[in-house]
Amino acid sequence: MSKLTALAEYVHTWAPIATQLLASDNDAVKMYGVKIQQEVDVKKRQLEAELGEAKAILGMTLATHPSQHKEVSSPELVEHSTIHGCTETQVKTECTIEL
């Protein structure tokens, strides 16, 4: 599991739990919520820093490497292509294209 994934999963899992605990009428439960929220805030900052670094690296990579995609030699192939098996995730949509 990548560091980005681990941080994102931590924040995604624990942020709502901290919010629920902070809304409690029980002071001991609230204090536990405060501690969890502090950890979530630390992980969020780490995640933002990692994402910033990844974006910078990706930007440098894209700027220094020419595209690896081949140009379409026959536009009619694209016009008559069929998209199969699209899968949408939170990050991107991946499709298989059959020409």
PDB file of N, CA and C in Angstrom:
ATOM      1  N   MET A   1       0.850  -1.168   0.000  1.00  0.00           N
ATOM      2  CA  MET A   1       0.000   0.000   0.000  1.00  0.00           C
ATOM      3  C   MET A   1       0.900   1.237   0.000  1.00  0.00           C
ATOM      4  N   SER A   2       0.588   2.165  -0.858  1.00  0.00           N
ATOM      5  CA  SER A   2       1.409   3.367  -0.939  1.00  0.00           C
ATOM      6  C   SER A   2       1.150   4.274   0.268  1.00  0.00           C
ATOM      7  N   LYS A   3       2.093   5.162   0.501  1.00  0.00           N
ATOM      8  CA  LYS A   3       1.965   6.095   1.619  1.00  0.00           C
ATOM      9  C   LYS A   3       0.744   6.993   1.418  1.00  0.00           C
ATOM     10  N   LEU A   4       0.525   7.445   0.165  1.00  0.00           N
ATOM     11  CA  LEU A   4      -0.636   8.286  -0.124  1.00  0.00           C
ATOM     12  C   LEU A   4      -1.932   7.547   0.186  1.00  0.00           C
ATOM     13  N   THR A   5      -2.006   6.301  -0.234  1.00  0.00           N
ATOM     14  CA  THR A   5      -3.213   5.507   0.003  1.00  0.00           C
ATOM     15  C   THR A   5      -3.448   5.311   1.493  1.00  0.00           C
ATOM     16  N   ALA A   6      -2.397   4.997   2.218  1.00  0.00           N
ATOM     17  CA  ALA A   6      -2.525   4.775   3.661  1.00  0.00           C
ATOM     18  C   ALA A   6      -3.003   6.040   4.371  1.00  0.00           C
ATOM     19  N   LEU A   7      -2.431   7.180   4.006  1.00  0.00           N
ATOM     20  CA  LEU A   7      -2.843   8.443   4.627  1.00  0.00           C
ATOM     21  C   LEU A   7      -4.290   8.777   4.279  1.00  0.00           C
ATOM     22  N   ALA A   8      -4.652   8.607   3.018  1.00  0.00           N
ATOM     23  CA  ALA A   8      -6.017   8.914   2.582  1.00  0.00           C
ATOM     24  C   ALA A   8      -7.033   8.008   3.279  1.00  0.00           C
ATOM     25  N   GLU A   9      -6.713   6.730   3.399  1.00  0.00           N
ATOM     26  CA  GLU A   9      -7.624   5.800   4.077  1.00  0.00           C
ATOM     27  C   GLU A   9      -7.770   6.152   5.554  1.00  0.00           C
ATOM     28  N   TYR A  10      -6.676   6.547   6.188  1.00  0.00           N
ATOM     29  CA  TYR A  10      -6.728   6.928   7.599  1.00  0.00           C
ATOM     30  C   TYR A  10      -7.671   8.117   7.787  1.00  0.00           C
ATOM     31  N   VAL A  11      -7.452   9.164   6.987  1.00  0.00           N
ATOM     32  CA  VAL A  11      -8.276  10.370   7.096  1.00  0.00           C
ATOM     33  C   VAL A  11      -9.737  10.043   6.786  1.00  0.00           C
ATOM     34  N   HIS A  12      -9.962   9.280   5.724  1.00  0.00           N
ATOM     35  CA  HIS A  12     -11.324   8.928   5.312  1.00  0.00           C
ATOM     36  C   HIS A  12     -12.043   8.124   6.397  1.00  0.00           C
ATOM     37  N   THR A  13     -11.323   7.262   7.076  1.00  0.00           N
ATOM     38  CA  THR A  13     -11.921   6.409   8.107  1.00  0.00           C
ATOM     39  C   THR A  13     -12.145   7.158   9.419  1.00  0.00           C
ATOM     40  N   TRP A  14     -11.134   7.888   9.875  1.00  0.00           N
ATOM     41  CA  TRP A  14     -11.178   8.445  11.222  1.00  0.00           C
ATOM     42  C   TRP A  14     -11.811   9.824  11.334  1.00  0.00           C
ATOM     43  N   ALA A  15     -11.837  10.618  10.277  1.00  0.00           N
ATOM     44  CA  ALA A  15     -12.438  11.958  10.360  1.00  0.00           C
ATOM     45  C   ALA A  15     -13.917  11.898  10.767  1.00  0.00           C
ATOM     46  N   PRO A  16     -14.734  11.039  10.137  1.00  0.00           N
ATOM     47  CA  PRO A  16     -16.142  10.985  10.557  1.00  0.00           C
ATOM     48  C   PRO A  16     -16.323  10.452  11.986  1.00  0.00           C
ATOM     49  N   ILE A  17     -15.445   9.554  12.397  1.00  0.00           N
ATOM     50  CA  ILE A  17     -15.523   9.017  13.758  1.00  0.00           C
ATOM     51  C   ILE A  17     -15.228  10.127  14.762  1.00  0.00           C
ATOM     52  N   ALA A  18     -14.197  10.914  14.480  1.00  0.00           N
ATOM     53  CA  ALA A  18     -13.859  12.032  15.369  1.00  0.00           C
ATOM     54  C   ALA A  18     -15.021  13.010  15.460  1.00  0.00           C
ATOM     55  N   THR A  19     -15.653  13.298  14.333  1.00  0.00           N
ATOM     56  CA  THR A  19     -16.792  14.224  14.313  1.00  0.00           C
ATOM     57  C   THR A  19     -17.926  13.708  15.196  1.00  0.00           C
ATOM     58  N   GLN A  20     -18.206  12.417  15.102  1.00  0.00           N
ATOM     59  CA  GLN A  20     -19.273  11.831  15.925  1.00  0.00           C
ATOM     60  C   GLN A  20     -18.919  11.881  17.413  1.00  0.00           C
ATOM     61  N   LEU A  21     -17.680  11.574  17.733  1.00  0.00           N
ATOM     62  CA  LEU A  21     -17.267  11.590  19.140  1.00  0.00           C
ATOM     63  C   LEU A  21     -17.302  13.006  19.713  1.00  0.00           C
ATOM     64  N   LEU A  22     -16.922  13.986  18.910  1.00  0.00           N
ATOM     65  CA  LEU A  22     -16.931  15.375  19.372  1.00  0.00           C
ATOM     66  C   LEU A  22     -18.348  15.877  19.653  1.00  0.00           C
ATOM     67  N   ALA A  23     -19.339  15.259  19.035  1.00  0.00           N
ATOM     68  CA  ALA A  23     -20.733  15.663  19.233  1.00  0.00           C
ATOM     69  C   ALA A  23     -21.364  15.013  20.468  1.00  0.00           C
ATOM     70  N   SER A  24     -20.616  14.172  21.152  1.00  0.00           N
ATOM     71  CA  SER A  24     -21.143  13.448  22.315  1.00  0.00           C
ATOM     72  C   SER A  24     -21.370  14.383  23.504  1.00  0.00           C
ATOM     73  N   ASP A  25     -22.312  13.997  24.343  1.00  0.00           N
ATOM     74  CA  ASP A  25     -22.562  14.735  25.586  1.00  0.00           C
ATOM     75  C   ASP A  25     -21.599  14.312  26.695  1.00  0.00           C
ATOM     76  N   ASN A  26     -20.941  13.192  26.516  1.00  0.00           N
ATOM     77  CA  ASN A  26     -20.011  12.646  27.504  1.00  0.00           C
ATOM     78  C   ASN A  26     -18.635  13.297  27.310  1.00  0.00           C
ATOM     79  N   ASP A  27     -18.132  13.946  28.352  1.00  0.00           N
ATOM     80  CA  ASP A  27     -16.851  14.658  28.256  1.00  0.00           C
ATOM     81  C   ASP A  27     -15.678  13.731  27.946  1.00  0.00           C
ATOM     82  N   ALA A  28     -15.687  12.532  28.508  1.00  0.00           N
ATOM     83  CA  ALA A  28     -14.596  11.583  28.244  1.00  0.00           C
ATOM     84  C   ALA A  28     -14.585  11.184  26.768  1.00  0.00           C
ATOM     85  N   VAL A  29     -15.763  10.979  26.220  1.00  0.00           N
ATOM     86  CA  VAL A  29     -15.873  10.624  24.801  1.00  0.00           C
ATOM     87  C   VAL A  29     -15.410  11.800  23.940  1.00  0.00           C
ATOM     88  N   LYS A  30     -15.801  13.015  24.327  1.00  0.00           N
ATOM     89  CA  LYS A  30     -15.369  14.216  23.593  1.00  0.00           C
ATOM     90  C   LYS A  30     -13.846  14.340  23.587  1.00  0.00           C
ATOM     91  N   MET A  31     -13.221  14.081  24.730  1.00  0.00           N
ATOM     92  CA  MET A  31     -11.758  14.174  24.807  1.00  0.00           C
ATOM     93  C   MET A  31     -11.101  13.171  23.868  1.00  0.00           C
ATOM     94  N   TYR A  32     -11.673  11.986  23.794  1.00  0.00           N
ATOM     95  CA  TYR A  32     -11.160  10.981  22.863  1.00  0.00           C
ATOM     96  C   TYR A  32     -11.329  11.481  21.428  1.00  0.00           C
ATOM     97  N   GLY A  33     -12.464  12.120  21.157  1.00  0.00           N
ATOM     98  CA  GLY A  33     -12.709  12.706  19.835  1.00  0.00           C
ATOM     99  C   GLY A  33     -11.694  13.785  19.492  1.00  0.00           C
ATOM    100  N   VAL A  34     -11.321  14.590  20.493  1.00  0.00           N
ATOM    101  CA  VAL A  34     -10.317  15.643  20.286  1.00  0.00           C
ATOM    102  C   VAL A  34      -8.976  15.024  19.901  1.00  0.00           C
ATOM    103  N   LYS A  35      -8.590  13.968  20.604  1.00  0.00           N
ATOM    104  CA  LYS A  35      -7.313  13.308  20.301  1.00  0.00           C
ATOM    105  C   LYS A  35      -7.319  12.721  18.892  1.00  0.00           C
ATOM    106  N   ILE A  36      -8.423  12.085  18.526  1.00  0.00           N
ATOM    107  CA  ILE A  36      -8.518  11.513  17.176  1.00  0.00           C
ATOM    108  C   ILE A  36      -8.485  12.625  16.133  1.00  0.00           C
ATOM    109  N   GLN A  37      -9.204  13.727  16.393  1.00  0.00           N
ATOM    110  CA  GLN A  37      -9.227  14.837  15.439  1.00  0.00           C
ATOM    111  C   GLN A  37      -7.831  15.432  15.262  1.00  0.00           C
ATOM    112  N   GLN A  38      -7.066  15.521  16.335  1.00  0.00           N
ATOM    113  CA  GLN A  38      -5.696  16.024  16.228  1.00  0.00           C
ATOM    114  C   GLN A  38      -4.857  15.117  15.331  1.00  0.00           C
ATOM    115  N   GLU A  39      -5.005  13.810  15.503  1.00  0.00           N
ATOM    116  CA  GLU A  39      -4.277  12.856  14.650  1.00  0.00           C
ATOM    117  C   GLU A  39      -4.726  12.970  13.200  1.00  0.00           C
ATOM    118  N   VAL A  40      -6.030  13.121  12.990  1.00  0.00           N
ATOM    119  CA  VAL A  40      -6.563  13.277  11.629  1.00  0.00           C
ATOM    120  C   VAL A  40      -5.970  14.533  10.990  1.00  0.00           C
ATOM    121  N   ASP A  41      -5.894  15.626  11.747  1.00  0.00           N
ATOM    122  CA  ASP A  41      -5.326  16.869  11.216  1.00  0.00           C
ATOM    123  C   ASP A  41      -3.863  16.691  10.814  1.00  0.00           C
ATOM    124  N   VAL A  42      -3.103  15.964  11.634  1.00  0.00           N
ATOM    125  CA  VAL A  42      -1.696  15.688  11.312  1.00  0.00           C
ATOM    126  C   VAL A  42      -1.608  14.879  10.020  1.00  0.00           C
ATOM    127  N   LYS A  43      -2.435  13.845   9.916  1.00  0.00           N
ATOM    128  CA  LYS A  43      -2.418  12.984   8.718  1.00  0.00           C
ATOM    129  C   LYS A  43      -2.867  13.765   7.483  1.00  0.00           C
ATOM    130  N   LYS A  44      -3.831  14.677   7.645  1.00  0.00           N
ATOM    131  CA  LYS A  44      -4.280  15.509   6.519  1.00  0.00           C
ATOM    132  C   LYS A  44      -3.131  16.372   6.010  1.00  0.00           C
ATOM    133  N   ARG A  45      -2.393  16.975   6.928  1.00  0.00           N
ATOM    134  CA  ARG A  45      -1.259  17.815   6.524  1.00  0.00           C
ATOM    135  C   ARG A  45      -0.197  16.975   5.813  1.00  0.00           C
ATOM    136  N   GLN A  46       0.055  15.771   6.334  1.00  0.00           N
ATOM    137  CA  GLN A  46       1.019  14.879   5.682  1.00  0.00           C
ATOM    138  C   GLN A  46       0.534  14.499   4.288  1.00  0.00           C
ATOM    139  N   LEU A  47      -0.754  14.207   4.168  1.00  0.00           N
ATOM    140  CA  LEU A  47      -1.336  13.838   2.880  1.00  0.00           C
ATOM    141  C   LEU A  47      -1.221  14.990   1.889  1.00  0.00           C
ATOM    142  N   GLU A  48      -1.537  16.201   2.331  1.00  0.00           N
ATOM    143  CA  GLU A  48      -1.435  17.370   1.457  1.00  0.00           C
ATOM    144  C   GLU A  48       0.009  17.589   1.003  1.00  0.00           C
ATOM    145  N   ALA A  49       0.959  17.393   1.907  1.00  0.00           N
ATOM    146  CA  ALA A  49       2.374  17.547   1.547  1.00  0.00           C
ATOM    147  C   ALA A  49       2.795  16.488   0.535  1.00  0.00           C
ATOM    148  N   GLU A  50       2.391  15.245   0.760  1.00  0.00           N
ATOM    149  CA  GLU A  50       2.722  14.155  -0.167  1.00  0.00           C
ATOM    150  C   GLU A  50       2.091  14.393  -1.538  1.00  0.00           C
ATOM    151  N   LEU A  51       0.841  14.850  -1.543  1.00  0.00           N
ATOM    152  CA  LEU A  51       0.168  15.130  -2.815  1.00  0.00           C
ATOM    153  C   LEU A  51       0.864  16.265  -3.561  1.00  0.00           C
ATOM    154  N   GLY A  52       1.263  17.292  -2.826  1.00  0.00           N
ATOM    155  CA  GLY A  52       1.982  18.398  -3.454  1.00  0.00           C
ATOM    156  C   GLY A  52       3.284  17.936  -4.076  1.00  0.00           C
ATOM    157  N   GLU A  53       3.997  17.080  -3.358  1.00  0.00           N
ATOM    158  CA  GLU A  53       5.255  16.543  -3.871  1.00  0.00           C
ATOM    159  C   GLU A  53       5.008  15.666  -5.103  1.00  0.00           C
ATOM    160  N   ALA A  54       3.969  14.840  -5.038  1.00  0.00           N
ATOM    161  CA  ALA A  54       3.646  13.969  -6.179  1.00  0.00           C
ATOM    162  C   ALA A  54       3.267  14.796  -7.405  1.00  0.00           C
ATOM    163  N   LYS A  55       2.492  15.862  -7.199  1.00  0.00           N
ATOM    164  CA  LYS A  55       2.109  16.730  -8.318  1.00  0.00           C
ATOM    165  C   LYS A  55       3.337  17.403  -8.922  1.00  0.00           C
ATOM    166  N   ALA A  56       4.255  17.836  -8.070  1.00  0.00           N
ATOM    167  CA  ALA A  56       5.474  18.481  -8.562  1.00  0.00           C
ATOM    168  C   ALA A  56       6.302  17.503  -9.383  1.00  0.00           C
ATOM    169  N   ILE A  57       6.442  16.286  -8.889  1.00  0.00           N
ATOM    170  CA  ILE A  57       7.205  15.267  -9.618  1.00  0.00           C
ATOM    171  C   ILE A  57       6.518  14.938 -10.927  1.00  0.00           C
ATOM    172  N   LEU A  58       5.205  14.773 -10.894  1.00  0.00           N
ATOM    173  CA  LEU A  58       4.457  14.465 -12.108  1.00  0.00           C
ATOM    174  C   LEU A  58       4.581  15.602 -13.113  1.00  0.00           C
ATOM    175  N   GLY A  59       4.496  16.823 -12.644  1.00  0.00           N
ATOM    176  CA  GLY A  59       4.638  17.974 -13.533  1.00  0.00           C
ATOM    177  C   GLY A  59       6.000  18.006 -14.187  1.00  0.00           C
ATOM    178  N   MET A  60       7.048  17.702 -13.415  1.00  0.00           N
ATOM    179  CA  MET A  60       8.402  17.670 -13.978  1.00  0.00           C
ATOM    180  C   MET A  60       8.520  16.544 -14.988  1.00  0.00           C
ATOM    181  N   THR A  61       7.936  15.393 -14.679  1.00  0.00           N
ATOM    182  CA  THR A  61       8.002  14.247 -15.584  1.00  0.00           C
ATOM    183  C   THR A  61       7.301  14.566 -16.888  1.00  0.00           C
ATOM    184  N   LEU A  62       6.118  15.153 -16.809  1.00  0.00           N
ATOM    185  CA  LEU A  62       5.375  15.485 -18.024  1.00  0.00           C
ATOM    186  C   LEU A  62       6.098  16.551 -18.839  1.00  0.00           C
ATOM    187  N   ALA A  63       6.737  17.477 -18.155  1.00  0.00           N
ATOM    188  CA  ALA A  63       7.425  18.551 -18.862  1.00  0.00           C
ATOM    189  C   ALA A  63       8.710  18.077 -19.531  1.00  0.00           C
ATOM    190  N   THR A  64       9.334  17.046 -19.001  1.00  0.00           N
ATOM    191  CA  THR A  64      10.630  16.619 -19.528  1.00  0.00           C
ATOM    192  C   THR A  64      10.565  15.398 -20.429  1.00  0.00           C
ATOM    193  N   HIS A  65       9.406  14.737 -20.510  1.00  0.00           N
ATOM    194  CA  HIS A  65       9.278  13.554 -21.356  1.00  0.00           C
ATOM    195  C   HIS A  65       8.237  13.789 -22.444  1.00  0.00           C
ATOM    196  N   PRO A  66       8.596  13.539 -23.695  1.00  0.00           N
ATOM    197  CA  PRO A  66       7.616  13.693 -24.768  1.00  0.00           C
ATOM    198  C   PRO A  66       6.520  12.630 -24.648  1.00  0.00           C
ATOM    199  N   SER A  67       5.392  12.904 -25.241  1.00  0.00           N
ATOM    200  CA  SER A  67       4.271  11.970 -25.199  1.00  0.00           C
ATOM    201  C   SER A  67       4.649  10.642 -25.826  1.00  0.00           C
ATOM    202  N   GLN A  68       4.176   9.560 -25.234  1.00  0.00           N
ATOM    203  CA  GLN A  68       4.439   8.222 -25.750  1.00  0.00           C
ATOM    204  C   GLN A  68       3.288   7.717 -26.615  1.00  0.00           C
ATOM    205  N   HIS A  69       2.241   8.521 -26.732  1.00  0.00           N
ATOM    206  CA  HIS A  69       1.085   8.101 -27.516  1.00  0.00           C
ATOM    207  C   HIS A  69       1.351   8.277 -29.003  1.00  0.00           C
ATOM    208  N   LYS A  70       0.921   7.296 -29.776  1.00  0.00           N
ATOM    209  CA  LYS A  70       1.064   7.391 -31.225  1.00  0.00           C
ATOM    210  C   LYS A  70      -0.046   8.272 -31.771  1.00  0.00           C
ATOM    211  N   GLU A  71       0.261   8.999 -32.819  1.00  0.00           N
ATOM    212  CA  GLU A  71      -0.772   9.796 -33.457  1.00  0.00           C
ATOM    213  C   GLU A  71      -1.720   8.867 -34.200  1.00  0.00           C
ATOM    214  N   VAL A  72      -2.968   9.284 -34.300  1.00  0.00           N
ATOM    215  CA  VAL A  72      -3.954   8.482 -35.020  1.00  0.00           C
ATOM    216  C   VAL A  72      -3.724   8.676 -36.506  1.00  0.00           C
ATOM    217  N   SER A  73      -3.378   7.581 -37.180  1.00  0.00           N
ATOM    218  CA  SER A  73      -3.085   7.678 -38.610  1.00  0.00           C
ATOM    219  C   SER A  73      -4.352   7.634 -39.449  1.00  0.00           C
ATOM    220  N   SER A  74      -5.398   7.026 -38.914  1.00  0.00           N
ATOM    221  CA  SER A  74      -6.654   6.908 -39.655  1.00  0.00           C
ATOM    222  C   SER A  74      -7.805   7.376 -38.773  1.00  0.00           C
ATOM    223  N   PRO A  75      -8.195   8.644 -38.905  1.00  0.00           N
ATOM    224  CA  PRO A  75      -9.284   9.163 -38.069  1.00  0.00           C
ATOM    225  C   PRO A  75     -10.576   8.357 -38.197  1.00  0.00           C
ATOM    226  N   GLU A  76     -10.785   7.707 -39.350  1.00  0.00           N
ATOM    227  CA  GLU A  76     -12.017   6.926 -39.516  1.00  0.00           C
ATOM    228  C   GLU A  76     -12.063   5.744 -38.547  1.00  0.00           C
ATOM    229  N   LEU A  77     -10.898   5.244 -38.121  1.00  0.00           N
ATOM    230  CA  LEU A  77     -10.877   4.166 -37.134  1.00  0.00           C
ATOM    231  C   LEU A  77     -11.464   4.647 -35.807  1.00  0.00           C
ATOM    232  N   VAL A  78     -11.138   5.869 -35.448  1.00  0.00           N
ATOM    233  CA  VAL A  78     -11.646   6.432 -34.202  1.00  0.00           C
ATOM    234  C   VAL A  78     -13.146   6.667 -34.305  1.00  0.00           C
ATOM    235  N   GLU A  79     -13.593   7.165 -35.461  1.00  0.00           N
ATOM    236  CA  GLU A  79     -15.013   7.448 -35.651  1.00  0.00           C
ATOM    237  C   GLU A  79     -15.863   6.194 -35.523  1.00  0.00           C
ATOM    238  N   HIS A  80     -15.326   5.048 -35.913  1.00  0.00           N
ATOM    239  CA  HIS A  80     -16.095   3.808 -35.900  1.00  0.00           C
ATOM    240  C   HIS A  80     -15.692   2.882 -34.752  1.00  0.00           C
ATOM    241  N   SER A  81     -14.989   3.403 -33.764  1.00  0.00           N
ATOM    242  CA  SER A  81     -14.565   2.576 -32.640  1.00  0.00           C
ATOM    243  C   SER A  81     -15.716   2.415 -31.643  1.00  0.00           C
ATOM    244  N   THR A  82     -15.603   1.414 -30.801  1.00  0.00           N
ATOM    245  CA  THR A  82     -16.618   1.138 -29.788  1.00  0.00           C
ATOM    246  C   THR A  82     -15.932   1.093 -28.428  1.00  0.00           C
ATOM    247  N   ILE A  83     -16.530   1.760 -27.464  1.00  0.00           N
ATOM    248  CA  ILE A  83     -15.967   1.750 -26.112  1.00  0.00           C
ATOM    249  C   ILE A  83     -16.602   0.597 -25.341  1.00  0.00           C
ATOM    250  N   HIS A  84     -15.753  -0.231 -24.744  1.00  0.00           N
ATOM    251  CA  HIS A  84     -16.217  -1.386 -23.970  1.00  0.00           C
ATOM    252  C   HIS A  84     -15.671  -1.318 -22.556  1.00  0.00           C
ATOM    253  N   GLY A  85     -16.428  -1.769 -21.605  1.00  0.00           N
ATOM    254  CA  GLY A  85     -15.940  -2.010 -20.253  1.00  0.00           C
ATOM    255  C   GLY A  85     -15.429  -0.805 -19.506  1.00  0.00           C
ATOM    256  N   CYS A  86     -16.187   0.284 -19.464  1.00  0.00           N
ATOM    257  CA  CYS A  86     -15.749   1.444 -18.700  1.00  0.00           C
ATOM    258  C   CYS A  86     -15.951   1.186 -17.208  1.00  0.00           C
ATOM    259  N   THR A  87     -14.964   1.563 -16.432  1.00  0.00           N
ATOM    260  CA  THR A  87     -15.022   1.414 -14.988  1.00  0.00           C
ATOM    261  C   THR A  87     -14.735   2.769 -14.369  1.00  0.00           C
ATOM    262  N   GLU A  88     -15.698   3.312 -13.638  1.00  0.00           N
ATOM    263  CA  GLU A  88     -15.511   4.619 -13.022  1.00  0.00           C
ATOM    264  C   GLU A  88     -15.127   4.435 -11.564  1.00  0.00           C
ATOM    265  N   THR A  89     -14.043   5.098 -11.156  1.00  0.00           N
ATOM    266  CA  THR A  89     -13.622   5.085  -9.763  1.00  0.00           C
ATOM    267  C   THR A  89     -13.646   6.522  -9.278  1.00  0.00           C
ATOM    268  N   GLN A  90     -13.268   6.745  -8.024  1.00  0.00           N
ATOM    269  CA  GLN A  90     -13.227   8.110  -7.506  1.00  0.00           C
ATOM    270  C   GLN A  90     -12.112   8.909  -8.155  1.00  0.00           C
ATOM    271  N   VAL A  91     -11.126   8.225  -8.690  1.00  0.00           N
ATOM    272  CA  VAL A  91      -9.958   8.906  -9.229  1.00  0.00           C
ATOM    273  C   VAL A  91     -10.071   9.129 -10.726  1.00  0.00           C
ATOM    274  N   LYS A  92     -10.541   8.104 -11.468  1.00  0.00           N
ATOM    275  CA  LYS A  92     -10.558   8.215 -12.921  1.00  0.00           C
ATOM    276  C   LYS A  92     -11.531   7.214 -13.517  1.00  0.00           C
ATOM    277  N   THR A  93     -11.770   7.357 -14.804  1.00  0.00           N
ATOM    278  CA  THR A  93     -12.575   6.396 -15.543  1.00  0.00           C
ATOM    279  C   THR A  93     -11.666   5.697 -16.528  1.00  0.00           C
ATOM    280  N   GLU A  94     -11.655   4.384 -16.482  1.00  0.00           N
ATOM    281  CA  GLU A  94     -10.831   3.606 -17.399  1.00  0.00           C
ATOM    282  C   GLU A  94     -11.743   2.872 -18.366  1.00  0.00           C
ATOM    283  N   CYS A  95     -11.396   2.905 -19.649  1.00  0.00           N
ATOM    284  CA  CYS A  95     -12.202   2.242 -20.666  1.00  0.00           C
ATOM    285  C   CYS A  95     -11.311   1.420 -21.581  1.00  0.00           C
ATOM    286  N   THR A  96     -11.883   0.365 -22.117  1.00  0.00           N
ATOM    287  CA  THR A  96     -11.220  -0.419 -23.148  1.00  0.00           C
ATOM    288  C   THR A  96     -11.862  -0.029 -24.463  1.00  0.00           C
ATOM    289  N   ILE A  97     -11.053   0.361 -25.433  1.00  0.00           N
ATOM    290  CA  ILE A  97     -11.575   0.795 -26.728  1.00  0.00           C
ATOM    291  C   ILE A  97     -11.202  -0.229 -27.778  1.00  0.00           C
ATOM    292  N   GLU A  98     -12.199  -0.704 -28.491  1.00  0.00           N
ATOM    293  CA  GLU A  98     -11.979  -1.684 -29.547  1.00  0.00           C
ATOM    294  C   GLU A  98     -12.156  -0.988 -30.884  1.00  0.00           C
ATOM    295  N   LEU A  99     -11.142  -1.069 -31.741  1.00  0.00           N
ATOM    296  CA  LEU A  99     -11.215  -0.438 -33.059  1.00  0.00           C
ATOM    297  C   LEU A  99     -11.725  -1.403 -34.087  1.00  0.00           C
TER     298      LEU A  99
END
